[in-house]
Amino acid sequence: MARRIDVIGAGGVSLAAWEFSDPPKKDPTDRKDAGHPTDNRSEALIPDQSTGHQSTGRQSTGEPTGGSTSGPSAEDGARSEPTASPERTTGVFLLHGLMGRASHWASTARWLSERHRAVALDQRGHGRSEKPPKAAFTREAYVEDAEAALEQLGLGPAVLIGHAMGALTAWQLAAKRPDLVSGLIICDMRASALGAASQREWADWFESWPVPFATLADVRKWFGEDDPWVERPNPARGEFYAEVMQESPDGWRPVFEPEQMLKSRETWVYDAHWEELTQVRCPTLVVRGLDGELGRAEAQEMVRVLPLGEYAEVTDAGHLVHYDQPDGWRAAIEPFLDGVLAR
């Protein structure tokens, strides 16, 4: 189950945070229709876009259900005051990557929630959070959003776990506010500048998307097989992108605006981010997929410049490490988490 908690980020942008708890016991006879488009997808999907609530710390209790925006909303629940189980007092804050959403952390957050208070954030422009056309999509705004969320949720000092862009946000926040961060896990994010050519490639890639997609099956097939960036069939990648689609009158489109994704990306691709790494004082684990975007040499150099850096890699995983290989991901990060929380 996941409970939505509305928080307010930089510039008054409304953000959806999702606190995960132990999953409900399933009735083994309760089987989904084999033809349903949400088969094999996360139970904790958060399908709809933000309704734009402007209240701080408001909550709705319910279990977001998978698939399309035609499904039930996580808003359909009684409002309640924040509560935290005494057995799960350590905070873990999860930040998705560019184009991602909080539900991409569902499998990780579930096992974390057995012992910790696990909260994932839909970052601005993503998932159910607001996507104001004139909002800032700068590094400063993303970091301030995460900072505000931690404070409003009363989660800090917390262990931050970030994937790609979310990892950069996490280490920049750790450098800025060490009082809010007790540990850090960086998943497949480079510290080096990527340059203008990379940004042009991404703009061309967005243009190549055959939107609208007629069905979610078409989404899975294109991103898992037909996309020119796919070297070999990758069903997990197809599922990843199916989670960020919503049904519109003419078919399936992304829940985000590609223009806002490019604006977000251009604020980090032209610069290197090594200096912020040197300012991170908490224990930090750098994790890469063996076939991911972060190379071994760069990852190990990141570990070297981090004052308390450690290294791990996950075999048979690409860029979407936690999504590609959830068991390998857990095996890589759980010992580190145990060590940080034992300090």
C-alpha atoms as a PDB file:
ATOM      1  CA  MET A   1       0.000   0.000   0.000  1.00  0.00           C
ATOM      2  CA  ALA A   2       1.042   3.586  -0.542  1.00  0.00           C
ATOM      3  CA  ARG A   3      -0.342   6.693   1.102  1.00  0.00           C
ATOM      4  CA  ARG A   4      -0.143  10.008  -0.688  1.00  0.00           C
ATOM      5  CA  ILE A   5       1.125  13.012   1.278  1.00  0.00           C
ATOM      6  CA  ASP A   6       0.998  16.396  -0.445  1.00  0.00           C
ATOM      7  CA  VAL A   7       3.981  18.663   0.164  1.00  0.00           C
ATOM      8  CA  ILE A   8       4.919  22.061  -1.204  1.00  0.00           C
ATOM      9  CA  GLY A   9       8.171  22.525  -3.069  1.00  0.00           C
ATOM     10  CA  ALA A  10      10.127  25.508  -4.352  1.00  0.00           C
ATOM     11  CA  GLY A  11       7.992  28.281  -5.814  1.00  0.00           C
ATOM     12  CA  GLY A  12       4.827  26.765  -4.339  1.00  0.00           C
ATOM     13  CA  VAL A  13       4.789  23.731  -6.649  1.00  0.00           C
ATOM     14  CA  SER A  14       2.603  20.930  -5.253  1.00  0.00           C
ATOM     15  CA  LEU A  15       4.433  17.613  -4.965  1.00  0.00           C
ATOM     16  CA  ALA A  16       3.083  14.128  -4.322  1.00  0.00           C
ATOM     17  CA  ALA A  17       5.046  12.046  -1.826  1.00  0.00           C
ATOM     18  CA  TRP A  18       4.142   8.398  -1.319  1.00  0.00           C
ATOM     19  CA  GLU A  19       4.718   6.585   1.954  1.00  0.00           C
ATOM     20  CA  PHE A  20       4.850   2.839   1.476  1.00  0.00           C
ATOM     21  CA  SER A  21       3.789   0.254   4.018  1.00  0.00           C
ATOM     22  CA  ASP A  22       3.803  -3.532   4.131  1.00  0.00           C
ATOM     23  CA  PRO A  23       1.775  -4.961   1.236  1.00  0.00           C
ATOM     24  CA  PRO A  24      -1.618  -6.463   2.062  1.00  0.00           C
ATOM     25  CA  LYS A  25      -1.966 -10.219   2.059  1.00  0.00           C
ATOM     26  CA  LYS A  26      -3.331 -11.454  -1.230  1.00  0.00           C
ATOM     27  CA  ASP A  27      -6.130 -13.877  -1.772  1.00  0.00           C
ATOM     28  CA  PRO A  28      -4.482 -16.584  -3.907  1.00  0.00           C
ATOM     29  CA  THR A  29      -7.749 -17.044  -5.801  1.00  0.00           C
ATOM     30  CA  ASP A  30      -7.827 -13.388  -6.775  1.00  0.00           C
ATOM     31  CA  ARG A  31      -6.231 -13.468 -10.211  1.00  0.00           C
ATOM     32  CA  LYS A  32      -6.125 -10.641 -12.696  1.00  0.00           C
ATOM     33  CA  ASP A  33      -7.663 -11.049 -16.091  1.00  0.00           C
ATOM     34  CA  ALA A  34      -4.850 -12.292 -18.323  1.00  0.00           C
ATOM     35  CA  GLY A  35      -5.768  -9.728 -20.941  1.00  0.00           C
ATOM     36  CA  HIS A  36      -5.736  -6.752 -18.597  1.00  0.00           C
ATOM     37  CA  PRO A  37      -3.187  -4.134 -19.638  1.00  0.00           C
ATOM     38  CA  THR A  38      -1.766  -3.896 -16.115  1.00  0.00           C
ATOM     39  CA  ASP A  39      -0.669  -7.541 -15.844  1.00  0.00           C
ATOM     40  CA  ASN A  40       2.705  -7.978 -14.130  1.00  0.00           C
ATOM     41  CA  ARG A  41       2.933  -4.322 -13.263  1.00  0.00           C
ATOM     42  CA  SER A  42       3.470  -2.889  -9.809  1.00  0.00           C
ATOM     43  CA  GLU A  43       0.509  -2.967  -7.413  1.00  0.00           C
ATOM     44  CA  ALA A  44       1.558   0.438  -6.127  1.00  0.00           C
ATOM     45  CA  LEU A  45       1.336   2.296  -9.414  1.00  0.00           C
ATOM     46  CA  ILE A  46       0.288   5.887  -9.086  1.00  0.00           C
ATOM     47  CA  PRO A  47      -1.490   6.578 -12.330  1.00  0.00           C
ATOM     48  CA  ASP A  48      -3.086  10.019 -12.362  1.00  0.00           C
ATOM     49  CA  GLN A  49      -1.535  13.438 -12.623  1.00  0.00           C
ATOM     50  CA  SER A  50      -1.582  15.816  -9.688  1.00  0.00           C
ATOM     51  CA  THR A  51      -4.820  17.533  -8.913  1.00  0.00           C
ATOM     52  CA  GLY A  52      -2.839  20.502  -7.742  1.00  0.00           C
ATOM     53  CA  HIS A  53      -3.645  20.573  -4.017  1.00  0.00           C
ATOM     54  CA  GLN A  54      -1.824  23.413  -2.323  1.00  0.00           C
ATOM     55  CA  SER A  55      -1.962  22.149   1.253  1.00  0.00           C
ATOM     56  CA  THR A  56       1.131  21.061   3.120  1.00  0.00           C
ATOM     57  CA  GLY A  57       1.242  17.587   4.608  1.00  0.00           C
ATOM     58  CA  ARG A  58      -2.262  16.532   3.583  1.00  0.00           C
ATOM     59  CA  GLN A  59      -2.695  12.810   3.162  1.00  0.00           C
ATOM     60  CA  SER A  60      -4.944  10.308   1.507  1.00  0.00           C
ATOM     61  CA  THR A  61      -4.946   6.663   2.461  1.00  0.00           C
ATOM     62  CA  GLY A  62      -5.484   4.018  -0.156  1.00  0.00           C
ATOM     63  CA  GLU A  63      -3.730   1.651  -2.495  1.00  0.00           C
ATOM     64  CA  PRO A  64      -2.989   3.186  -5.874  1.00  0.00           C
ATOM     65  CA  THR A  65      -3.806   0.589  -8.470  1.00  0.00           C
ATOM     66  CA  GLY A  66      -1.930  -0.138 -11.631  1.00  0.00           C
ATOM     67  CA  GLY A  67      -2.324   0.972 -15.151  1.00  0.00           C
ATOM     68  CA  SER A  68      -4.253   3.718 -16.753  1.00  0.00           C
ATOM     69  CA  THR A  69      -5.668   6.972 -15.513  1.00  0.00           C
ATOM     70  CA  SER A  70      -9.102   5.467 -15.906  1.00  0.00           C
ATOM     71  CA  GLY A  71      -8.419   3.408 -12.768  1.00  0.00           C
ATOM     72  CA  PRO A  72      -9.244   4.498  -9.225  1.00  0.00           C
ATOM     73  CA  SER A  73      -7.364   7.472  -7.882  1.00  0.00           C
ATOM     74  CA  ALA A  74      -5.161   7.371  -4.826  1.00  0.00           C
ATOM     75  CA  GLU A  75      -7.010  10.502  -3.775  1.00  0.00           C
ATOM     76  CA  ASP A  76     -10.115   8.396  -3.057  1.00  0.00           C
ATOM     77  CA  GLY A  77      -9.484   7.876   0.635  1.00  0.00           C
ATOM     78  CA  ALA A  78     -10.050   9.396   4.027  1.00  0.00           C
ATOM     79  CA  ARG A  79      -7.620  12.096   5.060  1.00  0.00           C
ATOM     80  CA  SER A  80      -5.579  11.297   8.137  1.00  0.00           C
ATOM     81  CA  GLU A  81      -2.838  12.761  10.265  1.00  0.00           C
ATOM     82  CA  PRO A  82       0.761  11.598   9.648  1.00  0.00           C
ATOM     83  CA  THR A  83       1.672   8.546  11.639  1.00  0.00           C
ATOM     84  CA  ALA A  84       4.893   6.572  11.914  1.00  0.00           C
ATOM     85  CA  SER A  85       5.260   3.107  13.312  1.00  0.00           C
ATOM     86  CA  PRO A  86       7.728   2.999  16.203  1.00  0.00           C
ATOM     87  CA  GLU A  87       9.322  -0.035  14.578  1.00  0.00           C
ATOM     88  CA  ARG A  88       9.965   1.960  11.406  1.00  0.00           C
ATOM     89  CA  THR A  89      11.418   5.219  12.625  1.00  0.00           C
ATOM     90  CA  THR A  90      14.442   5.484  10.306  1.00  0.00           C
ATOM     91  CA  GLY A  91      13.610   7.475   7.213  1.00  0.00           C
ATOM     92  CA  VAL A  92      14.521   6.396   3.679  1.00  0.00           C
ATOM     93  CA  PHE A  93      13.758   8.893   0.914  1.00  0.00           C
ATOM     94  CA  LEU A  94      13.674   7.696  -2.705  1.00  0.00           C
ATOM     95  CA  LEU A  95      14.143   9.937  -5.749  1.00  0.00           C
ATOM     96  CA  HIS A  96      13.412   8.661  -9.257  1.00  0.00           C
ATOM     97  CA  GLY A  97      15.272   9.650 -12.401  1.00  0.00           C
ATOM     98  CA  LEU A  98      14.274  11.812 -15.352  1.00  0.00           C
ATOM     99  CA  MET A  99      10.864  10.736 -16.727  1.00  0.00           C
ATOM    100  CA  GLY A 100      10.404   8.404 -13.757  1.00  0.00           C
ATOM    101  CA  ARG A 101       7.874   8.381 -10.957  1.00  0.00           C
ATOM    102  CA  ALA A 102       7.590   7.231  -7.366  1.00  0.00           C
ATOM    103  CA  SER A 103       5.956   3.947  -8.345  1.00  0.00           C
ATOM    104  CA  HIS A 104       9.204   2.836  -9.995  1.00  0.00           C
ATOM    105  CA  TRP A 105      10.503   2.371  -6.443  1.00  0.00           C
ATOM    106  CA  ALA A 106       7.572   0.173  -5.348  1.00  0.00           C
ATOM    107  CA  SER A 107       9.454  -3.115  -5.063  1.00  0.00           C
ATOM    108  CA  THR A 108      12.351  -1.469  -3.215  1.00  0.00           C
ATOM    109  CA  ALA A 109      10.072   0.558  -0.951  1.00  0.00           C
ATOM    110  CA  ARG A 110       8.074  -2.513   0.050  1.00  0.00           C
ATOM    111  CA  TRP A 111      10.992  -4.391   1.556  1.00  0.00           C
ATOM    112  CA  LEU A 112      12.392  -1.201   3.012  1.00  0.00           C
ATOM    113  CA  SER A 113       9.068  -0.504   4.715  1.00  0.00           C
ATOM    114  CA  GLU A 114       9.379  -3.683   6.764  1.00  0.00           C
ATOM    115  CA  ARG A 115      12.011  -1.907   8.903  1.00  0.00           C
ATOM    116  CA  HIS A 116      12.051   1.750   7.874  1.00  0.00           C
ATOM    117  CA  ARG A 117       9.770   4.627   6.994  1.00  0.00           C
ATOM    118  CA  ALA A 118      10.058   4.570   3.199  1.00  0.00           C
ATOM    119  CA  VAL A 119       8.825   7.560   1.201  1.00  0.00           C
ATOM    120  CA  ALA A 120       9.201   8.131  -2.537  1.00  0.00           C
ATOM    121  CA  LEU A 121       8.661  11.509  -4.192  1.00  0.00           C
ATOM    122  CA  ASP A 122       7.132  12.339  -7.541  1.00  0.00           C
ATOM    123  CA  GLN A 123       9.479  15.161  -8.478  1.00  0.00           C
ATOM    124  CA  ARG A 124       8.193  18.308 -10.150  1.00  0.00           C
ATOM    125  CA  GLY A 125       6.984  17.682 -13.682  1.00  0.00           C
ATOM    126  CA  HIS A 126       6.684  13.957 -12.985  1.00  0.00           C
ATOM    127  CA  GLY A 127       4.042  11.463 -11.890  1.00  0.00           C
ATOM    128  CA  ARG A 128       1.221  13.019  -9.867  1.00  0.00           C
ATOM    129  CA  SER A 129       3.140  16.165  -8.942  1.00  0.00           C
ATOM    130  CA  GLU A 130       2.374  19.513 -10.543  1.00  0.00           C
ATOM    131  CA  LYS A 131       3.713  20.389 -13.971  1.00  0.00           C
ATOM    132  CA  PRO A 132       3.289  24.179 -14.161  1.00  0.00           C
ATOM    133  CA  PRO A 133       4.259  25.492 -17.610  1.00  0.00           C
ATOM    134  CA  LYS A 134       6.220  28.390 -16.122  1.00  0.00           C
ATOM    135  CA  ALA A 135       7.816  26.553 -13.212  1.00  0.00           C
ATOM    136  CA  ALA A 136      11.570  26.396 -12.808  1.00  0.00           C
ATOM    137  CA  PHE A 137      13.178  23.101 -13.777  1.00  0.00           C
ATOM    138  CA  THR A 138      16.613  23.982 -12.476  1.00  0.00           C
ATOM    139  CA  ARG A 139      18.975  22.001 -10.273  1.00  0.00           C
ATOM    140  CA  GLU A 140      18.245  24.453  -7.474  1.00  0.00           C
ATOM    141  CA  ALA A 141      14.488  23.865  -7.741  1.00  0.00           C
ATOM    142  CA  TYR A 142      14.816  20.081  -7.651  1.00  0.00           C
ATOM    143  CA  VAL A 143      17.156  20.203  -4.652  1.00  0.00           C
ATOM    144  CA  GLU A 144      14.917  22.669  -2.816  1.00  0.00           C
ATOM    145  CA  ASP A 145      11.921  20.418  -3.500  1.00  0.00           C
ATOM    146  CA  ALA A 146      13.653  17.446  -1.892  1.00  0.00           C
ATOM    147  CA  GLU A 147      14.793  19.585   1.021  1.00  0.00           C
ATOM    148  CA  ALA A 148      11.263  20.897   1.584  1.00  0.00           C
ATOM    149  CA  ALA A 149       9.757  17.420   1.355  1.00  0.00           C
ATOM    150  CA  LEU A 150      12.151  15.985   3.941  1.00  0.00           C
ATOM    151  CA  GLU A 151      11.372  18.813   6.330  1.00  0.00           C
ATOM    152  CA  GLN A 152       7.598  18.731   5.840  1.00  0.00           C
ATOM    153  CA  LEU A 153       7.502  14.961   6.186  1.00  0.00           C
ATOM    154  CA  GLY A 154       9.673  15.033   9.312  1.00  0.00           C
ATOM    155  CA  LEU A 155      11.789  12.340   7.662  1.00  0.00           C
ATOM    156  CA  GLY A 156      15.306  13.625   8.230  1.00  0.00           C
ATOM    157  CA  PRO A 157      17.990  12.780   8.883  1.00  0.00           C
ATOM    158  CA  ALA A 158      17.248  10.131   6.282  1.00  0.00           C
ATOM    159  CA  VAL A 159      19.063   7.802   3.928  1.00  0.00           C
ATOM    160  CA  LEU A 160      18.620   9.157   0.403  1.00  0.00           C
ATOM    161  CA  ILE A 161      18.412   6.722  -2.511  1.00  0.00           C
ATOM    162  CA  GLY A 162      18.469   8.262  -5.955  1.00  0.00           C
ATOM    163  CA  HIS A 163      18.470   6.932  -9.484  1.00  0.00           C
ATOM    164  CA  ALA A 164      20.068   8.947 -12.317  1.00  0.00           C
ATOM    165  CA  MET A 165      18.795  12.556 -12.041  1.00  0.00           C
ATOM    166  CA  GLY A 166      17.383  11.700  -8.623  1.00  0.00           C
ATOM    167  CA  ALA A 167      20.840  10.593  -7.504  1.00  0.00           C
ATOM    168  CA  LEU A 168      22.305  13.944  -8.535  1.00  0.00           C
ATOM    169  CA  THR A 169      19.571  15.724  -6.585  1.00  0.00           C
ATOM    170  CA  ALA A 170      20.328  13.502  -3.601  1.00  0.00           C
ATOM    171  CA  TRP A 171      24.067  14.161  -3.513  1.00  0.00           C
ATOM    172  CA  GLN A 172      23.595  17.887  -4.097  1.00  0.00           C
ATOM    173  CA  LEU A 173      21.166  17.973  -1.162  1.00  0.00           C
ATOM    174  CA  ALA A 174      23.564  15.931   0.984  1.00  0.00           C
ATOM    175  CA  ALA A 175      26.282  18.496   0.269  1.00  0.00           C
ATOM    176  CA  LYS A 176      23.944  21.411   1.025  1.00  0.00           C
ATOM    177  CA  ARG A 177      22.138  20.030   4.080  1.00  0.00           C
ATOM    178  CA  PRO A 178      24.208  17.357   5.832  1.00  0.00           C
ATOM    179  CA  ASP A 179      21.852  17.614   8.821  1.00  0.00           C
ATOM    180  CA  LEU A 180      19.060  16.092   6.717  1.00  0.00           C
ATOM    181  CA  VAL A 181      21.047  13.185   5.236  1.00  0.00           C
ATOM    182  CA  SER A 182      22.502  10.259   7.196  1.00  0.00           C
ATOM    183  CA  GLY A 183      23.462   8.126   4.215  1.00  0.00           C
ATOM    184  CA  LEU A 184      23.350   8.195   0.427  1.00  0.00           C
ATOM    185  CA  ILE A 185      22.974   5.653  -2.377  1.00  0.00           C
ATOM    186  CA  ILE A 186      23.807   6.852  -5.889  1.00  0.00           C
ATOM    187  CA  CYS A 187      22.400   4.626  -8.623  1.00  0.00           C
ATOM    188  CA  ASP A 188      23.867   4.868 -12.140  1.00  0.00           C
ATOM    189  CA  MET A 189      24.438   8.625 -12.379  1.00  0.00           C
ATOM    190  CA  ARG A 190      27.543  10.183 -13.881  1.00  0.00           C
ATOM    191  CA  ALA A 191      29.437  13.067 -12.305  1.00  0.00           C
ATOM    192  CA  SER A 192      31.055  14.119 -15.592  1.00  0.00           C
ATOM    193  CA  ALA A 193      29.590  16.647 -18.021  1.00  0.00           C
ATOM    194  CA  LEU A 194      27.736  15.039 -20.924  1.00  0.00           C
ATOM    195  CA  GLY A 195      27.787  17.988 -23.327  1.00  0.00           C
ATOM    196  CA  ALA A 196      25.650  19.580 -26.019  1.00  0.00           C
ATOM    197  CA  ALA A 197      25.698  16.574 -28.330  1.00  0.00           C
ATOM    198  CA  SER A 198      24.003  14.477 -25.652  1.00  0.00           C
ATOM    199  CA  GLN A 199      21.237  17.062 -25.254  1.00  0.00           C
ATOM    200  CA  ARG A 200      20.635  17.140 -29.032  1.00  0.00           C
ATOM    201  CA  GLU A 201      20.421  13.346 -29.101  1.00  0.00           C
ATOM    202  CA  TRP A 202      17.763  13.421 -26.413  1.00  0.00           C
ATOM    203  CA  ALA A 203      15.741  16.079 -28.244  1.00  0.00           C
ATOM    204  CA  ASP A 204      15.848  13.939 -31.409  1.00  0.00           C
ATOM    205  CA  TRP A 205      14.900  10.860 -29.397  1.00  0.00           C
ATOM    206  CA  PHE A 206      11.779  12.498 -27.994  1.00  0.00           C
ATOM    207  CA  GLU A 207      10.813  13.518 -31.528  1.00  0.00           C
ATOM    208  CA  SER A 208      11.103   9.879 -32.636  1.00  0.00           C
ATOM    209  CA  TRP A 209       8.453   8.606 -30.206  1.00  0.00           C
ATOM    210  CA  PRO A 210       5.428   7.308 -32.186  1.00  0.00           C
ATOM    211  CA  VAL A 211       2.903   9.027 -29.922  1.00  0.00           C
ATOM    212  CA  PRO A 212       0.108   8.509 -29.321  1.00  0.00           C
ATOM    213  CA  PHE A 213       0.466   4.770 -28.743  1.00  0.00           C
ATOM    214  CA  ALA A 214      -2.687   2.795 -29.504  1.00  0.00           C
ATOM    215  CA  THR A 215      -2.288   0.442 -26.524  1.00  0.00           C
ATOM    216  CA  LEU A 216      -0.005  -0.183 -23.565  1.00  0.00           C
ATOM    217  CA  ALA A 217       1.191  -3.289 -25.396  1.00  0.00           C
ATOM    218  CA  ASP A 218       2.449  -0.959 -28.136  1.00  0.00           C
ATOM    219  CA  VAL A 219       4.238   1.117 -25.496  1.00  0.00           C
ATOM    220  CA  ARG A 220       5.957  -1.961 -24.094  1.00  0.00           C
ATOM    221  CA  LYS A 221       6.967  -3.200 -27.527  1.00  0.00           C
ATOM    222  CA  TRP A 222       8.381   0.106 -28.745  1.00  0.00           C
ATOM    223  CA  PHE A 223      10.427   0.897 -25.638  1.00  0.00           C
ATOM    224  CA  GLY A 224      11.374  -2.721 -25.049  1.00  0.00           C
ATOM    225  CA  GLU A 225      12.197  -3.718 -28.629  1.00  0.00           C
ATOM    226  CA  ASP A 226      11.716  -1.158 -31.422  1.00  0.00           C
ATOM    227  CA  ASP A 227      13.321   1.961 -29.946  1.00  0.00           C
ATOM    228  CA  PRO A 228      16.635   2.524 -31.812  1.00  0.00           C
ATOM    229  CA  TRP A 229      18.329   2.995 -28.428  1.00  0.00           C
ATOM    230  CA  VAL A 230      17.509  -0.622 -27.477  1.00  0.00           C
ATOM    231  CA  GLU A 231      20.394  -2.919 -28.347  1.00  0.00           C
ATOM    232  CA  ARG A 232      18.513  -6.118 -27.520  1.00  0.00           C
ATOM    233  CA  PRO A 233      14.963  -6.879 -26.327  1.00  0.00           C
ATOM    234  CA  ASN A 234      14.440  -5.514 -22.839  1.00  0.00           C
ATOM    235  CA  PRO A 235      10.972  -6.239 -21.399  1.00  0.00           C
ATOM    236  CA  ALA A 236      11.789  -4.437 -18.140  1.00  0.00           C
ATOM    237  CA  ARG A 237      12.458  -1.234 -20.075  1.00  0.00           C
ATOM    238  CA  GLY A 238       9.105  -1.605 -21.809  1.00  0.00           C
ATOM    239  CA  GLU A 239       7.360  -1.971 -18.445  1.00  0.00           C
ATOM    240  CA  PHE A 240       9.253   1.012 -17.057  1.00  0.00           C
ATOM    241  CA  TYR A 241       7.881   3.292 -19.768  1.00  0.00           C
ATOM    242  CA  ALA A 242       4.409   1.767 -19.624  1.00  0.00           C
ATOM    243  CA  GLU A 243       4.239   3.071 -16.055  1.00  0.00           C
ATOM    244  CA  VAL A 244       4.710   6.658 -17.201  1.00  0.00           C
ATOM    245  CA  MET A 245       1.921   6.619 -19.767  1.00  0.00           C
ATOM    246  CA  GLN A 246      -1.654   7.817 -19.367  1.00  0.00           C
ATOM    247  CA  GLU A 247      -4.675   7.268 -21.558  1.00  0.00           C
ATOM    248  CA  SER A 248      -5.877  10.264 -23.544  1.00  0.00           C
ATOM    249  CA  PRO A 249      -8.708  10.548 -26.088  1.00  0.00           C
ATOM    250  CA  ASP A 250      -6.383   9.656 -28.974  1.00  0.00           C
ATOM    251  CA  GLY A 251      -4.296   6.981 -27.255  1.00  0.00           C
ATOM    252  CA  TRP A 252      -1.501   6.646 -24.688  1.00  0.00           C
ATOM    253  CA  ARG A 253       0.847   9.563 -24.004  1.00  0.00           C
ATOM    254  CA  PRO A 254       3.480  10.277 -21.348  1.00  0.00           C
ATOM    255  CA  VAL A 255       2.339  11.798 -18.050  1.00  0.00           C
ATOM    256  CA  PHE A 256       5.165  14.341 -18.398  1.00  0.00           C
ATOM    257  CA  GLU A 257       5.881  17.048 -20.959  1.00  0.00           C
ATOM    258  CA  PRO A 258       8.984  16.214 -23.012  1.00  0.00           C
ATOM    259  CA  GLU A 259       9.852  19.917 -23.163  1.00  0.00           C
ATOM    260  CA  GLN A 260      10.012  20.032 -19.370  1.00  0.00           C
ATOM    261  CA  MET A 261      12.217  16.945 -19.333  1.00  0.00           C
ATOM    262  CA  LEU A 262      14.658  18.616 -21.729  1.00  0.00           C
ATOM    263  CA  LYS A 263      14.632  21.784 -19.595  1.00  0.00           C
ATOM    264  CA  SER A 264      15.382  19.669 -16.539  1.00  0.00           C
ATOM    265  CA  ARG A 265      18.185  17.845 -18.272  1.00  0.00           C
ATOM    266  CA  GLU A 266      19.895  20.913 -19.737  1.00  0.00           C
ATOM    267  CA  THR A 267      20.574  22.193 -16.228  1.00  0.00           C
ATOM    268  CA  TRP A 268      23.050  19.385 -15.548  1.00  0.00           C
ATOM    269  CA  VAL A 269      24.415  17.964 -18.816  1.00  0.00           C
ATOM    270  CA  TYR A 270      26.753  20.859 -19.533  1.00  0.00           C
ATOM    271  CA  ASP A 271      28.473  20.804 -16.141  1.00  0.00           C
ATOM    272  CA  ALA A 272      30.487  18.318 -14.129  1.00  0.00           C
ATOM    273  CA  HIS A 273      29.400  17.627 -10.553  1.00  0.00           C
ATOM    274  CA  TRP A 274      32.564  16.374  -8.884  1.00  0.00           C
ATOM    275  CA  GLU A 275      32.858  19.284  -6.480  1.00  0.00           C
ATOM    276  CA  GLU A 276      29.514  18.513  -4.827  1.00  0.00           C
ATOM    277  CA  LEU A 277      30.634  14.903  -4.352  1.00  0.00           C
ATOM    278  CA  THR A 278      33.650  16.039  -2.352  1.00  0.00           C
ATOM    279  CA  GLN A 279      31.290  17.944  -0.048  1.00  0.00           C
ATOM    280  CA  VAL A 280      29.184  14.890   0.848  1.00  0.00           C
ATOM    281  CA  ARG A 281      30.181  13.880   4.380  1.00  0.00           C
ATOM    282  CA  CYS A 282      27.859  10.943   5.006  1.00  0.00           C
ATOM    283  CA  PRO A 283      28.534   7.297   4.022  1.00  0.00           C
ATOM    284  CA  THR A 284      27.790   6.928   0.310  1.00  0.00           C
ATOM    285  CA  LEU A 285      27.382   3.885  -1.911  1.00  0.00           C
ATOM    286  CA  VAL A 286      27.853   4.246  -5.670  1.00  0.00           C
ATOM    287  CA  VAL A 287      25.984   1.516  -7.548  1.00  0.00           C
ATOM    288  CA  ARG A 288      26.152   0.826 -11.259  1.00  0.00           C
ATOM    289  CA  GLY A 289      24.576  -1.673 -13.578  1.00  0.00           C
ATOM    290  CA  LEU A 290      27.207  -3.649 -15.425  1.00  0.00           C
ATOM    291  CA  ASP A 291      25.606  -2.531 -18.716  1.00  0.00           C
ATOM    292  CA  GLY A 292      24.462   0.859 -17.448  1.00  0.00           C
ATOM    293  CA  GLU A 293      25.447   4.415 -18.358  1.00  0.00           C
ATOM    294  CA  LEU A 294      27.929   4.871 -15.515  1.00  0.00           C
ATOM    295  CA  GLY A 295      31.222   3.214 -16.430  1.00  0.00           C
ATOM    296  CA  ARG A 296      33.319   1.345 -13.877  1.00  0.00           C
ATOM    297  CA  ALA A 297      36.273   3.739 -14.062  1.00  0.00           C
ATOM    298  CA  GLU A 298      34.108   6.805 -13.474  1.00  0.00           C
ATOM    299  CA  ALA A 299      32.155   5.082 -10.701  1.00  0.00           C
ATOM    300  CA  GLN A 300      35.342   4.140  -8.900  1.00  0.00           C
ATOM    301  CA  GLU A 301      36.670   7.687  -9.272  1.00  0.00           C
ATOM    302  CA  MET A 302      33.439   8.950  -7.700  1.00  0.00           C
ATOM    303  CA  VAL A 303      34.052   6.589  -4.798  1.00  0.00           C
ATOM    304  CA  ARG A 304      37.608   7.893  -4.502  1.00  0.00           C
ATOM    305  CA  VAL A 305      36.585  11.557  -4.225  1.00  0.00           C
ATOM    306  CA  LEU A 306      33.756  10.856  -1.800  1.00  0.00           C
ATOM    307  CA  PRO A 307      34.999  11.172   1.792  1.00  0.00           C
ATOM    308  CA  LEU A 308      33.131   7.994   2.815  1.00  0.00           C
ATOM    309  CA  GLY A 309      32.516   6.299  -0.527  1.00  0.00           C
ATOM    310  CA  GLU A 310      31.843   2.639  -1.291  1.00  0.00           C
ATOM    311  CA  TYR A 311      31.265   0.799  -4.564  1.00  0.00           C
ATOM    312  CA  ALA A 312      28.904  -1.906  -5.798  1.00  0.00           C
ATOM    313  CA  GLU A 313      27.786  -3.189  -9.166  1.00  0.00           C
ATOM    314  CA  VAL A 314      24.875  -5.335 -10.278  1.00  0.00           C
ATOM    315  CA  THR A 315      25.426  -7.914 -13.002  1.00  0.00           C
ATOM    316  CA  ASP A 316      22.929  -8.334 -15.852  1.00  0.00           C
ATOM    317  CA  ALA A 317      21.567  -4.847 -15.157  1.00  0.00           C
ATOM    318  CA  GLY A 318      21.440  -1.816 -17.403  1.00  0.00           C
ATOM    319  CA  HIS A 319      20.691   1.781 -16.492  1.00  0.00           C
ATOM    320  CA  LEU A 320      17.423   0.849 -14.755  1.00  0.00           C
ATOM    321  CA  VAL A 321      19.295  -1.140 -12.133  1.00  0.00           C
ATOM    322  CA  HIS A 322      16.593  -1.363  -9.462  1.00  0.00           C
ATOM    323  CA  TYR A 323      13.966  -2.149 -12.102  1.00  0.00           C
ATOM    324  CA  ASP A 324      16.028  -4.563 -14.213  1.00  0.00           C
ATOM    325  CA  GLN A 325      17.358  -6.688 -11.367  1.00  0.00           C
ATOM    326  CA  PRO A 326      15.452  -6.046  -8.117  1.00  0.00           C
ATOM    327  CA  ASP A 327      17.027  -8.992  -6.311  1.00  0.00           C
ATOM    328  CA  GLY A 328      20.565  -8.053  -7.332  1.00  0.00           C
ATOM    329  CA  TRP A 329      19.835  -4.444  -6.426  1.00  0.00           C
ATOM    330  CA  ARG A 330      18.662  -5.432  -2.963  1.00  0.00           C
ATOM    331  CA  ALA A 331      21.707  -7.633  -2.425  1.00  0.00           C
ATOM    332  CA  ALA A 332      23.958  -4.702  -3.401  1.00  0.00           C
ATOM    333  CA  ILE A 333      22.427  -2.044  -1.161  1.00  0.00           C
ATOM    334  CA  GLU A 334      21.035  -3.852   1.893  1.00  0.00           C
ATOM    335  CA  PRO A 335      24.393  -4.484   3.627  1.00  0.00           C
ATOM    336  CA  PHE A 336      25.307  -0.822   3.148  1.00  0.00           C
ATOM    337  CA  LEU A 337      21.971   0.293   4.595  1.00  0.00           C
ATOM    338  CA  ASP A 338      22.431  -1.989   7.583  1.00  0.00           C
ATOM    339  CA  GLY A 339      25.864  -0.513   8.197  1.00  0.00           C
ATOM    340  CA  VAL A 340      24.672   3.089   7.967  1.00  0.00           C
ATOM    341  CA  LEU A 341      21.726   2.489  10.243  1.00  0.00           C
ATOM    342  CA  ALA A 342      23.940   0.709  12.793  1.00  0.00           C
ATOM    343  CA  ARG A 343      26.184   3.782  13.149  1.00  0.00           C
END
